[in-house]
Protein backbone atom coordinates (compact mmCIF):
# COMPACT_ATOMS: atom_id res chain seq x y z
CA MET A 1 0.06 0.08 0.01
CA ALA A 2 1.26 3.53 -0.90
CA ARG A 3 2.29 5.59 1.87
CA GLY A 4 -0.32 7.91 2.95
CA VAL A 5 -3.05 5.93 1.48
CA PRO A 6 -5.64 4.84 4.55
CA ALA A 7 -5.84 1.44 5.29
CA ARG A 8 -8.77 0.11 3.84
CA ARG A 9 -9.44 -2.66 6.38
CA TYR A 10 -7.74 -3.17 10.18
CA SER A 11 -4.47 -4.90 10.62
CA ALA A 12 -4.52 -8.77 11.62
CA VAL A 13 -3.06 -7.75 14.92
CA ALA A 14 -5.81 -5.69 15.76
CA ILE A 15 -8.38 -8.05 14.74
CA LEU A 16 -7.00 -11.03 16.40
CA VAL A 17 -6.85 -8.58 19.51
CA HIS A 18 -10.33 -7.43 19.31
CA TRP A 19 -11.85 -10.94 18.72
CA ALA A 20 -9.85 -12.15 21.66
CA SER A 21 -11.07 -9.61 23.62
CA ALA A 22 -14.51 -9.47 22.69
CA LEU A 23 -14.32 -13.31 23.80
CA ALA A 24 -12.58 -12.85 26.96
CA VAL A 25 -15.36 -10.44 27.90
CA LEU A 26 -18.30 -12.93 26.83
CA VAL A 27 -16.63 -15.32 29.29
CA LEU A 28 -16.34 -12.60 31.71
CA ILE A 29 -19.88 -11.91 31.99
CA GLY A 30 -20.82 -15.39 32.25
CA LEU A 31 -18.29 -16.30 35.40
CA GLY A 32 -19.86 -13.34 36.86
CA LEU A 33 -23.77 -14.08 36.61
CA THR A 34 -22.64 -17.59 37.25
CA MET A 35 -20.61 -17.29 40.39
CA THR A 36 -22.71 -14.18 42.02
CA HIS A 37 -26.18 -15.86 41.37
CA ALA A 38 -25.95 -19.64 40.71
CA GLU A 39 -26.64 -21.80 43.66
CA LEU A 40 -22.58 -23.10 43.69
CA ALA A 41 -20.62 -25.49 46.18
CA PRO A 42 -18.08 -23.36 47.62
CA LEU A 43 -15.09 -24.88 45.83
CA ARG A 44 -16.71 -24.49 42.79
CA GLN A 45 -17.37 -20.99 43.17
CA PHE A 46 -13.69 -20.18 44.55
CA GLN A 47 -13.09 -21.64 41.29
CA LEU A 48 -15.24 -19.59 39.45
CA TYR A 49 -14.02 -16.73 41.11
CA GLN A 50 -10.00 -17.53 40.07
CA TRP A 51 -11.62 -18.03 36.63
CA HIS A 52 -12.92 -14.47 36.66
CA LYS A 53 -9.95 -13.04 38.05
CA SER A 54 -7.43 -14.85 35.31
CA VAL A 55 -9.88 -13.82 32.35
CA GLY A 56 -10.53 -10.26 33.97
CA ILE A 57 -6.38 -9.81 34.04
CA THR A 58 -6.08 -11.25 30.88
CA VAL A 59 -8.71 -8.55 29.38
CA LEU A 60 -6.17 -5.76 31.04
CA ALA A 61 -3.28 -7.19 29.29
CA LEU A 62 -5.02 -7.27 25.98
CA THR A 63 -6.76 -3.69 26.32
CA ALA A 64 -3.70 -2.39 26.71
CA LEU A 65 -1.61 -4.37 23.42
CA ARG A 66 -4.72 -3.06 21.89
CA VAL A 67 -4.44 0.33 22.53
CA LEU A 68 -0.89 0.59 22.45
CA TRP A 69 -0.93 -0.94 18.63
CA ARG A 70 -3.96 1.83 18.30
CA LEU A 71 -1.81 4.48 19.22
CA THR A 72 1.13 3.21 15.96
CA HIS A 73 -1.51 2.31 13.47
CA ARG A 74 -4.11 4.08 11.88
CA PRO A 75 -7.49 2.90 11.77
CA PRO A 76 -9.70 2.61 8.59
CA PRO A 77 -11.62 5.70 7.88
CA HIS A 78 -15.11 5.89 8.16
CA PRO A 79 -17.40 4.75 5.22
CA ALA A 80 -17.68 8.35 2.86
CA GLY A 81 -20.61 9.80 3.95
CA MET A 82 -20.98 8.85 7.39
CA PRO A 83 -22.96 11.59 9.22
CA ALA A 84 -20.93 13.83 11.30
CA PRO A 85 -22.68 12.99 14.42
CA GLU A 86 -22.48 9.13 14.10
CA ARG A 87 -18.98 9.55 13.80
CA ARG A 88 -19.03 11.51 17.06
CA ALA A 89 -21.07 8.42 19.13
CA ALA A 90 -19.00 5.78 17.20
CA ALA A 91 -15.78 7.37 18.84
CA ALA A 92 -17.39 8.42 22.12
CA ALA A 93 -19.04 4.26 22.08
CA HIS A 94 -15.46 2.80 21.51
CA ALA A 95 -13.61 5.22 24.14
CA LEU A 96 -16.16 3.81 26.94
CA LEU A 97 -15.48 0.61 26.02
CA TYR A 98 -11.62 1.47 26.61
CA LEU A 99 -12.29 3.15 29.41
CA LEU A 100 -14.71 0.00 31.06
CA LEU A 101 -12.20 -2.78 29.91
CA VAL A 102 -9.43 -0.81 31.51
CA GLY A 103 -11.57 0.26 34.72
CA LEU A 104 -12.96 -2.98 35.22
CA PRO A 105 -10.00 -5.35 35.77
CA LEU A 106 -8.74 -2.47 37.91
CA THR A 107 -11.73 -2.49 40.30
CA GLY A 108 -12.25 -6.17 40.14
CA TRP A 109 -8.41 -6.22 41.44
CA ALA A 110 -8.64 -3.27 43.99
CA VAL A 111 -11.98 -5.22 45.40
CA VAL A 112 -9.60 -8.61 45.63
CA SER A 113 -6.59 -6.87 47.02
CA LEU A 114 -9.09 -5.21 49.69
CA SER A 115 -10.37 -8.19 51.13
CA PRO A 116 -10.17 -8.78 54.31
CA PHE A 117 -9.92 -12.90 53.58
CA ASN A 118 -6.65 -12.01 51.51
CA ILE A 119 -7.31 -14.73 49.00
CA PRO A 120 -4.70 -15.38 46.92
CA THR A 121 -4.77 -15.12 42.78
CA VAL A 122 -3.12 -17.84 40.43
CA LEU A 123 -3.78 -16.94 37.21
CA TYR A 124 -5.05 -19.89 35.29
CA GLY A 125 -3.70 -22.24 38.58
CA LEU A 126 0.00 -20.87 37.32
CA VAL A 127 1.01 -17.89 37.89
CA PRO A 128 0.76 -15.91 40.99
CA TRP A 129 -0.75 -12.46 40.51
CA PRO A 130 0.02 -9.69 43.39
CA HIS A 131 -2.17 -7.63 45.13
CA LEU A 132 -2.44 -3.80 44.91
CA PRO A 133 -0.75 -2.21 47.85
CA LEU A 134 -4.26 -0.03 48.90
CA ALA A 135 -5.08 -2.10 52.35
CA ASP A 136 -2.61 0.69 53.52
CA LEU A 137 -3.54 3.72 51.75
CA VAL A 138 -7.48 3.75 52.42
CA PRO A 139 -8.60 4.96 55.95
CA ASP A 140 -11.40 2.08 55.64
CA PRO A 141 -10.34 -0.93 53.56
CA GLY A 142 -13.76 -2.65 54.47
CA ALA A 143 -15.97 0.65 53.46
CA ALA A 144 -13.41 1.05 50.18
CA GLU A 145 -14.00 -2.78 49.22
CA GLY A 146 -17.78 -2.36 49.36
CA LEU A 147 -18.13 0.65 47.47
CA LEU A 148 -15.70 -0.66 44.93
CA LYS A 149 -17.71 -3.74 44.49
CA ARG A 150 -21.02 -1.75 43.41
CA VAL A 151 -18.99 0.04 40.90
CA HIS A 152 -17.37 -3.25 40.18
CA ALA A 153 -20.89 -4.76 39.55
CA LEU A 154 -22.72 -1.21 37.93
CA GLY A 155 -19.66 -1.15 35.20
CA ALA A 156 -20.14 -4.96 34.04
CA TRP A 157 -23.76 -4.41 33.19
CA PHE A 158 -22.87 -0.88 31.72
CA LEU A 159 -20.58 -2.53 29.79
CA ALA A 160 -22.93 -5.40 28.52
CA ALA A 161 -25.46 -2.91 27.86
CA LEU A 162 -22.67 -1.05 25.43
CA LEU A 163 -22.19 -4.13 23.81
CA ALA A 164 -25.50 -4.68 23.12
CA VAL A 165 -25.39 -1.30 21.56
CA HIS A 166 -22.01 -2.01 19.82
CA VAL A 167 -23.64 -5.00 17.99
CA ALA A 168 -26.54 -3.42 16.75
CA ALA A 169 -24.43 -0.81 15.44
CA ALA A 170 -22.07 -3.32 13.55
CA LEU A 171 -25.24 -4.96 12.16
CA ARG A 172 -27.29 -2.17 10.84
CA HIS A 173 -24.04 -1.26 9.13
CA HIS A 174 -23.48 -4.58 7.61
CA LEU A 175 -27.31 -5.90 7.00
CA LEU A 176 -28.97 -2.10 6.19
CA LEU A 177 -26.00 0.19 5.60
CA ARG A 178 -24.23 -2.52 3.62
CA ASP A 179 -21.25 -0.86 4.17
CA ASP A 180 -17.35 -2.66 4.86
CA VAL A 181 -17.55 -1.53 8.52
CA LEU A 182 -18.15 -5.22 10.11
CA ARG A 183 -16.52 -6.58 7.07
CA ARG A 184 -12.81 -4.94 7.46
CA MET A 185 -12.72 -6.47 11.11
CA LEU A 186 -13.47 -10.11 10.11
CA PRO A 187 -10.93 -12.16 10.10
CA GLY A 188 -9.88 -13.47 6.28
CA ARG A 189 -12.44 -10.67 4.62
CA ARG A 190 -11.39 -7.97 1.79
CA PRO A 191 -13.51 -5.26 1.65
CA SER A 192 -15.88 -4.48 -1.14
CA PRO A 193 -13.96 -2.52 -4.55
CA THR A 194 -17.52 -0.72 -4.88
CA LEU A 195 -16.73 1.08 -1.56
CA THR A 196 -15.62 4.60 -1.25
CA VAL A 197 -13.70 6.06 1.82
CA GLU A 198 -13.27 9.62 3.18
CA PRO A 199 -9.48 10.68 1.86
CA SER A 200 -7.23 10.81 4.70
CA ARG A 201 -6.24 14.10 5.81
């Protein structure tokens, strides 16, 4: 591709990290609902919490990689003719997604670190993961833990709702507007040769 010509699709790394993150978030939501609402034996619940923490740290790492990649690799432009309000809405939704994909793992990590039970985290049963040094930094660790639990839970529901909107928007572009917004993020697919995109600036 010539220098200065915007990419027509996301890079292979961006696509891989996007779908790995999406799968991990779905697993996190399923684990979170099961471990907090299902009637489970104590050992089974403990195992689900460990898996939830492991996948959460994985999402945090994937998001850090995704942000670094985005900063160094220009994404494809919006479809030509996409209204400015939709562009702003898409940018705001993506910013919120990034914020939640960083904030939720961090709040979960903080909750575990403030817990009076001091249960160790071992990622995937193999890698010991340290607690954040928060217990000595806050005047009331118990109150801070309770607040962060509520923030984490509300954030998880907000993330689930935002993901539903994200999927609905992608399907709208694909099925109704028939542009390449979804195709350019699918592995092994090429954008339509008739698609026109806004020129690089």
